[in-house]
N, C-alpha and C. Protein backbone atom coordinates (compact mmCIF):
# COMPACT_ATOMS: atom_id res chain seq x y z
N MET A 1 10.92 -23.17 -6.81
CA MET A 1 9.22 -22.96 -7.23
C MET A 1 8.00 -23.37 -6.45
N GLY A 2 8.41 -24.82 -5.78
CA GLY A 2 7.31 -25.72 -4.83
C GLY A 2 6.69 -25.01 -4.05
N LEU A 3 7.97 -24.70 -3.44
CA LEU A 3 6.93 -23.62 -1.86
C LEU A 3 5.84 -22.63 -2.46
N LEU A 4 6.46 -21.57 -3.54
CA LEU A 4 5.85 -20.33 -4.53
C LEU A 4 4.36 -21.46 -4.39
N TRP A 5 4.70 -22.10 -5.32
CA TRP A 5 3.67 -23.04 -5.72
C TRP A 5 2.67 -23.34 -4.42
N THR A 6 3.41 -23.84 -3.47
CA THR A 6 2.23 -24.54 -3.05
C THR A 6 1.69 -23.20 -2.30
N ILE A 7 2.56 -22.42 -1.87
CA ILE A 7 1.44 -21.08 -1.57
C ILE A 7 0.31 -20.22 -2.23
N ILE A 8 0.56 -20.18 -3.06
CA ILE A 8 -0.52 -19.86 -4.38
C ILE A 8 -1.20 -20.29 -4.48
N VAL A 9 -1.52 -21.91 -4.74
CA VAL A 9 -2.66 -22.97 -4.51
C VAL A 9 -3.32 -22.81 -3.14
N GLY A 10 -2.55 -22.60 -1.95
CA GLY A 10 -3.02 -22.64 -0.95
C GLY A 10 -3.63 -21.13 -0.49
N GLY A 11 -3.16 -20.35 -0.73
CA GLY A 11 -4.25 -19.03 -1.16
C GLY A 11 -5.46 -18.57 -1.76
N VAL A 12 -5.55 -19.75 -2.67
CA VAL A 12 -6.74 -19.83 -3.71
C VAL A 12 -7.68 -20.74 -2.97
N ILE A 13 -7.42 -21.69 -2.59
CA ILE A 13 -7.85 -22.42 -1.44
C ILE A 13 -8.91 -21.63 -0.40
N GLY A 14 -8.36 -20.69 0.26
CA GLY A 14 -8.78 -19.99 0.92
C GLY A 14 -9.51 -19.15 -0.10
N TRP A 15 -9.62 -18.51 -0.63
CA TRP A 15 -10.38 -17.12 -1.27
C TRP A 15 -11.03 -18.32 -2.08
N LEU A 16 -11.39 -19.56 -2.43
CA LEU A 16 -12.98 -20.21 -2.69
C LEU A 16 -13.58 -21.24 -1.39
N GLY A 17 -12.38 -21.37 -0.25
CA GLY A 17 -13.99 -21.17 1.06
C GLY A 17 -14.22 -19.99 1.27
N GLY A 18 -14.09 -19.10 0.79
CA GLY A 18 -14.27 -18.32 1.59
C GLY A 18 -15.48 -17.29 0.31
N LEU A 19 -15.56 -17.28 -0.29
CA LEU A 19 -16.15 -17.48 -1.94
C LEU A 19 -17.45 -18.23 -1.44
N LEU A 20 -17.26 -19.66 -1.33
CA LEU A 20 -18.43 -20.45 -1.51
C LEU A 20 -19.31 -19.74 0.07
N VAL A 21 -18.66 -20.19 0.93
CA VAL A 21 -19.51 -19.39 2.03
C VAL A 21 -19.96 -17.87 2.18
N GLY A 22 -19.27 -17.15 1.65
CA GLY A 22 -20.32 -16.04 1.00
C GLY A 22 -19.35 -14.79 2.59
N ARG A 23 -18.34 -14.95 2.69
CA ARG A 23 -17.73 -14.07 4.22
C ARG A 23 -15.90 -13.83 3.53
N ASP A 24 -16.25 -12.99 3.79
CA ASP A 24 -14.38 -12.87 3.79
C ASP A 24 -13.58 -13.54 5.44
N VAL A 25 -12.37 -13.79 4.37
CA VAL A 25 -11.57 -14.82 5.30
C VAL A 25 -11.06 -13.23 6.08
N PRO A 26 -10.77 -13.14 7.38
CA PRO A 26 -9.91 -11.85 7.91
C PRO A 26 -8.24 -11.94 7.74
N GLY A 27 -7.75 -10.66 7.35
CA GLY A 27 -6.18 -10.85 7.79
C GLY A 27 -6.37 -10.94 5.99
N GLY A 28 -7.32 -10.44 5.36
CA GLY A 28 -6.55 -11.12 3.63
C GLY A 28 -5.48 -11.78 3.41
N ILE A 29 -4.97 -11.35 2.38
CA ILE A 29 -3.81 -12.47 1.70
C ILE A 29 -3.30 -13.54 2.43
N ILE A 30 -2.51 -12.95 3.35
CA ILE A 30 -2.36 -14.18 4.44
C ILE A 30 -3.54 -14.71 4.96
N GLY A 31 -4.30 -14.20 5.37
CA GLY A 31 -5.59 -14.97 6.45
C GLY A 31 -5.69 -16.15 5.26
N ASN A 32 -6.25 -16.23 3.73
CA ASN A 32 -6.51 -16.58 2.71
C ASN A 32 -5.77 -18.39 2.50
N ILE A 33 -4.22 -17.54 2.37
CA ILE A 33 -3.06 -18.76 2.91
C ILE A 33 -3.13 -19.46 4.04
N ILE A 34 -3.47 -18.85 5.34
CA ILE A 34 -3.40 -19.84 6.32
C ILE A 34 -4.82 -20.74 6.34
N ALA A 35 -6.49 -19.66 6.17
CA ALA A 35 -7.56 -20.79 5.84
C ALA A 35 -7.21 -21.83 4.67
N GLY A 36 -6.27 -21.72 3.85
CA GLY A 36 -6.27 -22.72 2.68
C GLY A 36 -5.27 -23.73 3.79
N PHE A 37 -4.31 -23.61 3.80
CA PHE A 37 -3.25 -24.87 4.91
C PHE A 37 -4.13 -25.52 5.51
N ILE A 38 -4.82 -24.78 6.14
CA ILE A 38 -5.50 -25.34 7.41
C ILE A 38 -6.75 -26.15 7.15
N GLY A 39 -7.33 -25.94 5.98
CA GLY A 39 -8.53 -26.47 5.74
C GLY A 39 -8.04 -27.70 4.90
N ALA A 40 -6.68 -27.27 3.91
CA ALA A 40 -6.05 -28.69 3.40
C ALA A 40 -6.02 -29.98 4.17
N TRP A 41 -5.42 -29.19 5.46
CA TRP A 41 -4.58 -30.34 6.58
C TRP A 41 -6.31 -30.83 7.15
N LEU A 42 -7.49 -30.40 7.71
CA LEU A 42 -8.51 -30.29 7.88
C LEU A 42 -9.10 -31.46 6.95
N GLY A 43 -9.61 -31.09 6.36
CA GLY A 43 -10.06 -31.79 4.52
C GLY A 43 -9.53 -33.27 5.00
N THR A 44 -8.11 -33.32 4.13
CA THR A 44 -7.18 -34.27 3.78
C THR A 44 -7.64 -35.48 5.00
N LEU A 45 -7.44 -34.71 6.49
CA LEU A 45 -7.56 -35.44 7.75
C LEU A 45 -8.29 -36.06 7.79
N LEU A 46 -9.90 -35.48 7.43
CA LEU A 46 -11.23 -36.12 7.48
C LEU A 46 -11.73 -36.88 6.73
N LEU A 47 -11.89 -36.91 4.95
CA LEU A 47 -11.95 -37.05 3.71
C LEU A 47 -10.34 -37.81 3.11
N GLY A 48 -9.83 -37.72 3.52
CA GLY A 48 -8.56 -37.86 2.61
C GLY A 48 -8.43 -37.54 1.22
N ALA A 49 -6.89 -38.27 0.61
CA ALA A 49 -6.79 -37.50 -0.31
C ALA A 49 -7.44 -37.86 -1.73
N TRP A 50 -8.81 -37.69 -2.04
CA TRP A 50 -9.37 -38.09 -3.30
C TRP A 50 -9.16 -37.00 -4.28
N GLY A 51 -9.52 -36.82 -5.19
CA GLY A 51 -9.71 -35.84 -6.07
C GLY A 51 -8.32 -35.81 -6.82
N PRO A 52 -8.45 -34.74 -7.88
CA PRO A 52 -7.75 -34.09 -8.02
C PRO A 52 -6.64 -33.22 -7.27
N SER A 53 -4.93 -33.54 -7.93
CA SER A 53 -3.95 -32.79 -6.79
C SER A 53 -3.18 -32.06 -7.61
N VAL A 54 -3.05 -30.58 -7.04
CA VAL A 54 -2.51 -29.56 -7.80
C VAL A 54 -1.49 -28.75 -5.97
N GLY A 55 -0.53 -28.84 -6.46
CA GLY A 55 0.64 -28.10 -5.14
C GLY A 55 0.57 -28.45 -4.49
N GLY A 56 0.20 -29.73 -4.22
CA GLY A 56 0.65 -31.29 -2.90
C GLY A 56 -1.20 -31.41 -2.17
N PHE A 57 -1.93 -30.39 -3.00
CA PHE A 57 -3.24 -30.25 -2.57
C PHE A 57 -3.97 -31.29 -3.26
N ALA A 58 -5.14 -32.20 -2.36
CA ALA A 58 -5.85 -32.88 -2.99
C ALA A 58 -7.34 -31.64 -2.64
N LEU A 59 -7.37 -31.73 -3.95
CA LEU A 59 -8.35 -30.06 -3.63
C LEU A 59 -9.88 -30.13 -3.30
N ILE A 60 -10.57 -31.15 -3.32
CA ILE A 60 -11.79 -31.45 -2.98
C ILE A 60 -12.10 -31.42 -2.01
N PRO A 61 -11.13 -31.70 -1.09
CA PRO A 61 -10.62 -32.17 0.36
C PRO A 61 -10.71 -31.40 0.90
N ALA A 62 -9.58 -30.55 0.22
CA ALA A 62 -9.22 -28.78 0.58
C ALA A 62 -10.17 -27.23 0.11
N ILE A 63 -10.74 -27.99 -0.10
CA ILE A 63 -11.79 -26.60 -0.31
C ILE A 63 -13.24 -27.12 0.32
N ILE A 64 -13.44 -28.04 0.96
CA ILE A 64 -14.60 -28.57 1.88
C ILE A 64 -13.09 -27.65 3.09
N GLY A 65 -12.46 -28.66 3.52
CA GLY A 65 -12.23 -28.15 4.95
C GLY A 65 -11.65 -26.60 4.57
N ALA A 66 -11.84 -25.87 3.90
CA ALA A 66 -11.63 -24.33 4.18
C ALA A 66 -12.73 -23.93 4.44
N ILE A 67 -13.99 -24.56 3.70
CA ILE A 67 -15.03 -23.39 4.00
C ILE A 67 -15.35 -23.65 5.66
N VAL A 68 -15.43 -24.67 6.36
CA VAL A 68 -15.34 -25.48 7.56
C VAL A 68 -14.54 -24.57 8.38
N VAL A 69 -13.46 -23.78 7.48
CA VAL A 69 -12.49 -22.88 8.61
C VAL A 69 -13.23 -21.68 8.05
N VAL A 70 -13.56 -21.91 7.54
CA VAL A 70 -13.80 -19.78 7.09
C VAL A 70 -15.30 -19.84 7.53
N LEU A 71 -16.09 -20.97 7.77
CA LEU A 71 -17.40 -20.56 9.19
C LEU A 71 -16.95 -20.81 10.21
N ILE A 72 -16.06 -21.55 10.83
CA ILE A 72 -15.80 -21.92 12.65
C ILE A 72 -15.18 -20.30 12.61
N LEU A 73 -14.16 -19.60 11.63
CA LEU A 73 -13.54 -18.09 12.14
C LEU A 73 -14.58 -17.08 11.92
N SER A 74 -15.22 -17.26 10.99
CA SER A 74 -16.50 -16.48 11.12
C SER A 74 -17.37 -16.72 12.09
N ALA A 75 -17.74 -18.12 13.23
CA ALA A 75 -18.40 -18.29 13.99
C ALA A 75 -17.60 -17.09 15.48
N ILE A 76 -16.64 -17.73 15.89
CA ILE A 76 -15.71 -17.63 16.68
C ILE A 76 -15.46 -15.91 16.12
N LEU A 77 -15.08 -15.41 15.35
CA LEU A 77 -15.47 -13.71 15.23
C LEU A 77 -16.83 -12.81 15.73
N ARG A 78 -17.45 -12.84 15.23
CA ARG A 78 -18.91 -12.77 15.53
C ARG A 78 -19.46 -12.92 16.89
N GLY A 79 -18.62 -13.95 17.56
CA GLY A 79 -18.94 -13.79 19.31
C GLY A 79 -18.15 -13.16 19.76
N THR A 80 -17.09 -12.62 19.50
CA THR A 80 -15.78 -11.72 20.37
C THR A 80 -15.96 -10.22 20.07
N ARG A 81 -17.25 -10.43 18.97
CA ARG A 81 -17.41 -8.84 18.72
C ARG A 81 -18.67 -8.15 19.29
N ARG A 82 -19.14 -8.62 19.90
CA ARG A 82 -20.85 -8.82 20.32
C ARG A 82 -20.19 -7.81 21.88
N ALA A 83 -19.32 -9.03 22.19
CA ALA A 83 -19.05 -8.84 23.47
C ALA A 83 -18.04 -6.71 23.86
């Protein structure tokens, strides 16, 4: 049950990151989960584990990290579409 909760929270974090930036994460639900996990890892690495924690994720750094991941993905995908 803990793994399922972690996947759900990761998906919500990725979805919130995309929602706050105003861009969709490519890959739908799976893309949101991946963006949430990578964003949580990146945010915790850069900002530390502060704020409320849910499902093993420190929420505030995880959401900030997910925003960064969504912006990076959008820039990469925008560059590949022009070519």
